[in-house]
Amino acid sequence: MREEIEEAVNRLKKSKAPGVDNISAEEIQAVGNSGIEILLSRPMCRKIWKEEMWKKSIIIPLHEKDTMNCDNYRGVSFLPIVKK
């Protein structure tokens, strides 16, 4: 499981907006091994999956090409980085 988390942390895309948790990919990558140990700790894993915050995302409507057409929107979701 440690290798999976290390691989997932290394694959996180930088310069992306954080989600509801307000934690960026750069912050997770910056803490290194100590951050991975925290994510691996059993109480932390339980808390992550039980918290409602990890199940939510921020959805922002963005205009497509024609800004005068009110039906021309698409949603962009900001998910918590730890969830990814």
N, C-alpha and C. Protein backbone atom coordinates (compact mmCIF):
# COMPACT_ATOMS: atom_id res chain seq x y z
N MET A 1 0.82 -1.20 0.00
CA MET A 1 0.00 0.00 0.00
C MET A 1 0.86 1.26 0.00
N ARG A 2 2.01 1.23 0.65
CA ARG A 2 2.89 2.40 0.66
C ARG A 2 3.34 2.77 -0.74
N GLU A 3 3.69 1.77 -1.54
CA GLU A 3 4.15 2.03 -2.91
C GLU A 3 3.04 2.68 -3.74
N GLU A 4 1.80 2.23 -3.50
CA GLU A 4 0.67 2.81 -4.23
C GLU A 4 0.49 4.28 -3.88
N ILE A 5 0.63 4.61 -2.61
CA ILE A 5 0.47 6.01 -2.19
C ILE A 5 1.62 6.85 -2.74
N GLU A 6 2.85 6.34 -2.67
CA GLU A 6 3.99 7.08 -3.20
C GLU A 6 3.82 7.35 -4.69
N GLU A 7 3.37 6.34 -5.42
CA GLU A 7 3.15 6.49 -6.86
C GLU A 7 2.05 7.52 -7.14
N ALA A 8 0.97 7.44 -6.37
CA ALA A 8 -0.13 8.39 -6.56
C ALA A 8 0.30 9.82 -6.24
N VAL A 9 1.08 10.00 -5.19
CA VAL A 9 1.57 11.34 -4.84
C VAL A 9 2.47 11.87 -5.93
N ASN A 10 3.33 11.03 -6.49
CA ASN A 10 4.24 11.47 -7.55
C ASN A 10 3.49 11.81 -8.84
N ARG A 11 2.34 11.18 -9.07
CA ARG A 11 1.57 11.43 -10.29
C ARG A 11 0.66 12.65 -10.19
N LEU A 12 0.52 13.24 -9.01
CA LEU A 12 -0.37 14.39 -8.86
C LEU A 12 0.11 15.54 -9.74
N LYS A 13 -0.84 16.17 -10.43
CA LYS A 13 -0.51 17.29 -11.30
C LYS A 13 -0.37 18.55 -10.46
N LYS A 14 0.68 19.30 -10.75
CA LYS A 14 0.94 20.53 -10.02
C LYS A 14 0.15 21.69 -10.64
N SER A 15 0.06 22.77 -9.91
CA SER A 15 -0.62 24.00 -10.34
C SER A 15 -2.09 23.78 -10.63
N LYS A 16 -2.71 22.90 -9.88
CA LYS A 16 -4.16 22.69 -9.98
C LYS A 16 -4.82 23.27 -8.73
N ALA A 17 -6.05 23.72 -8.90
CA ALA A 17 -6.78 24.30 -7.77
C ALA A 17 -7.14 23.23 -6.76
N PRO A 18 -7.01 23.53 -5.47
CA PRO A 18 -7.42 22.56 -4.44
C PRO A 18 -8.93 22.47 -4.34
N GLY A 19 -9.41 21.42 -3.70
CA GLY A 19 -10.84 21.21 -3.54
C GLY A 19 -11.34 21.78 -2.22
N VAL A 20 -12.35 21.15 -1.68
CA VAL A 20 -12.99 21.59 -0.44
C VAL A 20 -12.00 21.58 0.72
N ASP A 21 -11.06 20.63 0.71
CA ASP A 21 -10.10 20.52 1.79
C ASP A 21 -9.03 21.61 1.78
N ASN A 22 -8.92 22.35 0.67
CA ASN A 22 -7.96 23.44 0.51
C ASN A 22 -6.51 22.98 0.63
N ILE A 23 -6.23 21.73 0.23
CA ILE A 23 -4.87 21.19 0.23
C ILE A 23 -4.45 21.01 -1.22
N SER A 24 -3.31 21.60 -1.60
CA SER A 24 -2.85 21.50 -2.98
C SER A 24 -1.93 20.29 -3.15
N ALA A 25 -1.74 19.90 -4.39
CA ALA A 25 -0.84 18.78 -4.71
C ALA A 25 0.59 19.11 -4.28
N GLU A 26 0.99 20.36 -4.44
CA GLU A 26 2.35 20.76 -4.05
C GLU A 26 2.58 20.57 -2.56
N GLU A 27 1.55 20.84 -1.75
CA GLU A 27 1.69 20.67 -0.30
C GLU A 27 1.86 19.20 0.06
N ILE A 28 1.09 18.33 -0.58
CA ILE A 28 1.21 16.90 -0.31
C ILE A 28 2.58 16.39 -0.73
N GLN A 29 3.07 16.85 -1.88
CA GLN A 29 4.38 16.41 -2.36
C GLN A 29 5.51 16.98 -1.51
N ALA A 30 5.32 18.18 -0.96
CA ALA A 30 6.36 18.83 -0.17
C ALA A 30 6.61 18.14 1.17
N VAL A 31 5.60 17.49 1.76
CA VAL A 31 5.80 16.86 3.06
C VAL A 31 6.57 15.55 2.96
N GLY A 32 6.66 14.99 1.76
CA GLY A 32 7.51 13.81 1.54
C GLY A 32 7.10 12.59 2.33
N ASN A 33 8.10 11.89 2.87
CA ASN A 33 7.86 10.62 3.58
C ASN A 33 7.01 10.78 4.84
N SER A 34 7.18 11.90 5.54
CA SER A 34 6.38 12.08 6.76
C SER A 34 4.90 12.22 6.42
N GLY A 35 4.58 12.85 5.31
CA GLY A 35 3.19 12.96 4.88
C GLY A 35 2.62 11.63 4.46
N ILE A 36 3.44 10.80 3.82
CA ILE A 36 2.99 9.46 3.42
C ILE A 36 2.73 8.61 4.66
N GLU A 37 3.58 8.75 5.67
CA GLU A 37 3.37 8.01 6.93
C GLU A 37 2.05 8.41 7.58
N ILE A 38 1.73 9.70 7.53
CA ILE A 38 0.46 10.17 8.10
C ILE A 38 -0.71 9.59 7.32
N LEU A 39 -0.62 9.59 5.98
CA LEU A 39 -1.69 9.02 5.17
C LEU A 39 -1.83 7.52 5.41
N LEU A 40 -0.74 6.85 5.73
CA LEU A 40 -0.77 5.41 5.96
C LEU A 40 -1.27 5.03 7.35
N SER A 41 -1.23 5.97 8.28
CA SER A 41 -1.65 5.63 9.64
C SER A 41 -3.12 5.23 9.63
N ARG A 42 -3.42 4.17 10.31
CA ARG A 42 -4.78 3.61 10.29
C ARG A 42 -5.84 4.61 10.74
N PRO A 43 -5.64 5.35 11.85
CA PRO A 43 -6.68 6.32 12.25
C PRO A 43 -6.90 7.40 11.18
N MET A 44 -5.82 7.83 10.52
CA MET A 44 -5.96 8.86 9.49
C MET A 44 -6.75 8.33 8.30
N CYS A 45 -6.46 7.11 7.88
CA CYS A 45 -7.19 6.52 6.75
C CYS A 45 -8.68 6.40 7.07
N ARG A 46 -8.99 5.95 8.27
CA ARG A 46 -10.40 5.84 8.66
C ARG A 46 -11.09 7.20 8.65
N LYS A 47 -10.38 8.20 9.16
CA LYS A 47 -10.96 9.53 9.22
C LYS A 47 -11.18 10.10 7.81
N ILE A 48 -10.23 9.87 6.92
CA ILE A 48 -10.35 10.38 5.56
C ILE A 48 -11.60 9.83 4.89
N TRP A 49 -11.83 8.53 5.00
CA TRP A 49 -12.94 7.92 4.29
C TRP A 49 -14.29 8.13 4.98
N LYS A 50 -14.30 8.47 6.28
CA LYS A 50 -15.56 8.69 6.98
C LYS A 50 -16.01 10.14 6.91
N GLU A 51 -15.09 11.04 6.75
CA GLU A 51 -15.45 12.46 6.73
C GLU A 51 -16.29 12.79 5.51
N GLU A 52 -17.30 13.58 5.71
CA GLU A 52 -18.15 14.01 4.60
C GLU A 52 -17.41 14.93 3.65
N MET A 53 -16.43 15.67 4.15
CA MET A 53 -15.70 16.62 3.33
C MET A 53 -15.05 15.93 2.12
N TRP A 54 -14.61 14.68 2.28
CA TRP A 54 -13.92 13.98 1.19
C TRP A 54 -14.91 13.52 0.12
N LYS A 55 -16.20 13.55 0.43
CA LYS A 55 -17.21 13.12 -0.53
C LYS A 55 -17.78 14.28 -1.32
N LYS A 56 -17.34 15.48 -1.04
CA LYS A 56 -17.90 16.67 -1.68
C LYS A 56 -16.91 17.26 -2.67
N SER A 57 -17.44 18.03 -3.60
CA SER A 57 -16.59 18.77 -4.52
C SER A 57 -17.22 20.14 -4.76
N ILE A 58 -16.44 21.03 -5.29
CA ILE A 58 -16.91 22.35 -5.66
C ILE A 58 -17.15 22.32 -7.16
N ILE A 59 -18.35 22.69 -7.59
CA ILE A 59 -18.66 22.71 -9.02
C ILE A 59 -18.88 24.15 -9.43
N ILE A 60 -18.11 24.58 -10.43
CA ILE A 60 -18.19 25.94 -10.92
C ILE A 60 -18.65 25.90 -12.38
N PRO A 61 -19.70 26.63 -12.72
CA PRO A 61 -20.14 26.67 -14.12
C PRO A 61 -19.25 27.62 -14.93
N LEU A 62 -18.80 27.17 -16.08
CA LEU A 62 -17.99 27.99 -16.98
C LEU A 62 -18.69 28.13 -18.32
N HIS A 63 -18.58 29.31 -18.93
CA HIS A 63 -19.14 29.53 -20.26
C HIS A 63 -18.34 28.74 -21.28
N GLU A 64 -19.04 28.22 -22.26
CA GLU A 64 -18.38 27.65 -23.43
C GLU A 64 -18.08 28.82 -24.37
N LYS A 65 -18.05 28.60 -25.64
CA LYS A 65 -17.64 29.63 -26.60
C LYS A 65 -18.60 30.83 -26.64
N ASP A 66 -19.90 30.58 -26.72
CA ASP A 66 -20.89 31.65 -26.86
C ASP A 66 -21.35 32.11 -25.48
N THR A 67 -20.85 33.24 -25.01
CA THR A 67 -21.19 33.72 -23.67
C THR A 67 -22.57 34.35 -23.61
N MET A 68 -23.19 34.64 -24.74
CA MET A 68 -24.52 35.23 -24.77
C MET A 68 -25.62 34.17 -24.61
N ASN A 69 -25.29 32.91 -24.83
CA ASN A 69 -26.26 31.82 -24.71
C ASN A 69 -26.22 31.27 -23.28
N CYS A 70 -27.32 31.43 -22.56
CA CYS A 70 -27.36 31.00 -21.15
C CYS A 70 -27.29 29.48 -20.99
N ASP A 71 -27.61 28.74 -22.03
CA ASP A 71 -27.56 27.27 -21.97
C ASP A 71 -26.16 26.73 -22.26
N ASN A 72 -25.24 27.60 -22.56
CA ASN A 72 -23.92 27.17 -23.02
C ASN A 72 -22.91 27.17 -21.87
N TYR A 73 -23.14 26.31 -20.90
CA TYR A 73 -22.26 26.19 -19.74
C TYR A 73 -21.74 24.77 -19.64
N ARG A 74 -20.64 24.61 -18.96
CA ARG A 74 -20.16 23.29 -18.56
C ARG A 74 -19.66 23.43 -17.13
N GLY A 75 -19.76 22.37 -16.38
CA GLY A 75 -19.32 22.41 -14.99
C GLY A 75 -17.91 21.90 -14.83
N VAL A 76 -17.16 22.54 -13.96
CA VAL A 76 -15.82 22.10 -13.59
C VAL A 76 -15.85 21.74 -12.12
N SER A 77 -15.42 20.53 -11.77
CA SER A 77 -15.44 20.07 -10.38
C SER A 77 -14.05 20.17 -9.77
N PHE A 78 -13.97 20.69 -8.57
CA PHE A 78 -12.73 20.73 -7.82
C PHE A 78 -12.83 19.68 -6.71
N LEU A 79 -12.14 18.56 -6.88
CA LEU A 79 -12.15 17.47 -5.92
C LEU A 79 -11.02 17.61 -4.92
N PRO A 80 -11.19 17.11 -3.72
CA PRO A 80 -10.07 17.11 -2.76
C PRO A 80 -8.90 16.30 -3.31
N ILE A 81 -7.69 16.83 -3.17
CA ILE A 81 -6.49 16.18 -3.71
C ILE A 81 -6.27 14.82 -3.06
N VAL A 82 -6.51 14.70 -1.76
CA VAL A 82 -6.29 13.43 -1.07
C VAL A 82 -7.22 12.35 -1.61
N LYS A 83 -8.38 12.75 -2.02
CA LYS A 83 -9.33 11.80 -2.61
C LYS A 83 -8.79 11.24 -3.92
N LYS A 84 -8.10 12.08 -4.68
CA LYS A 84 -7.54 11.63 -5.94
C LYS A 84 -6.46 10.61 -5.71
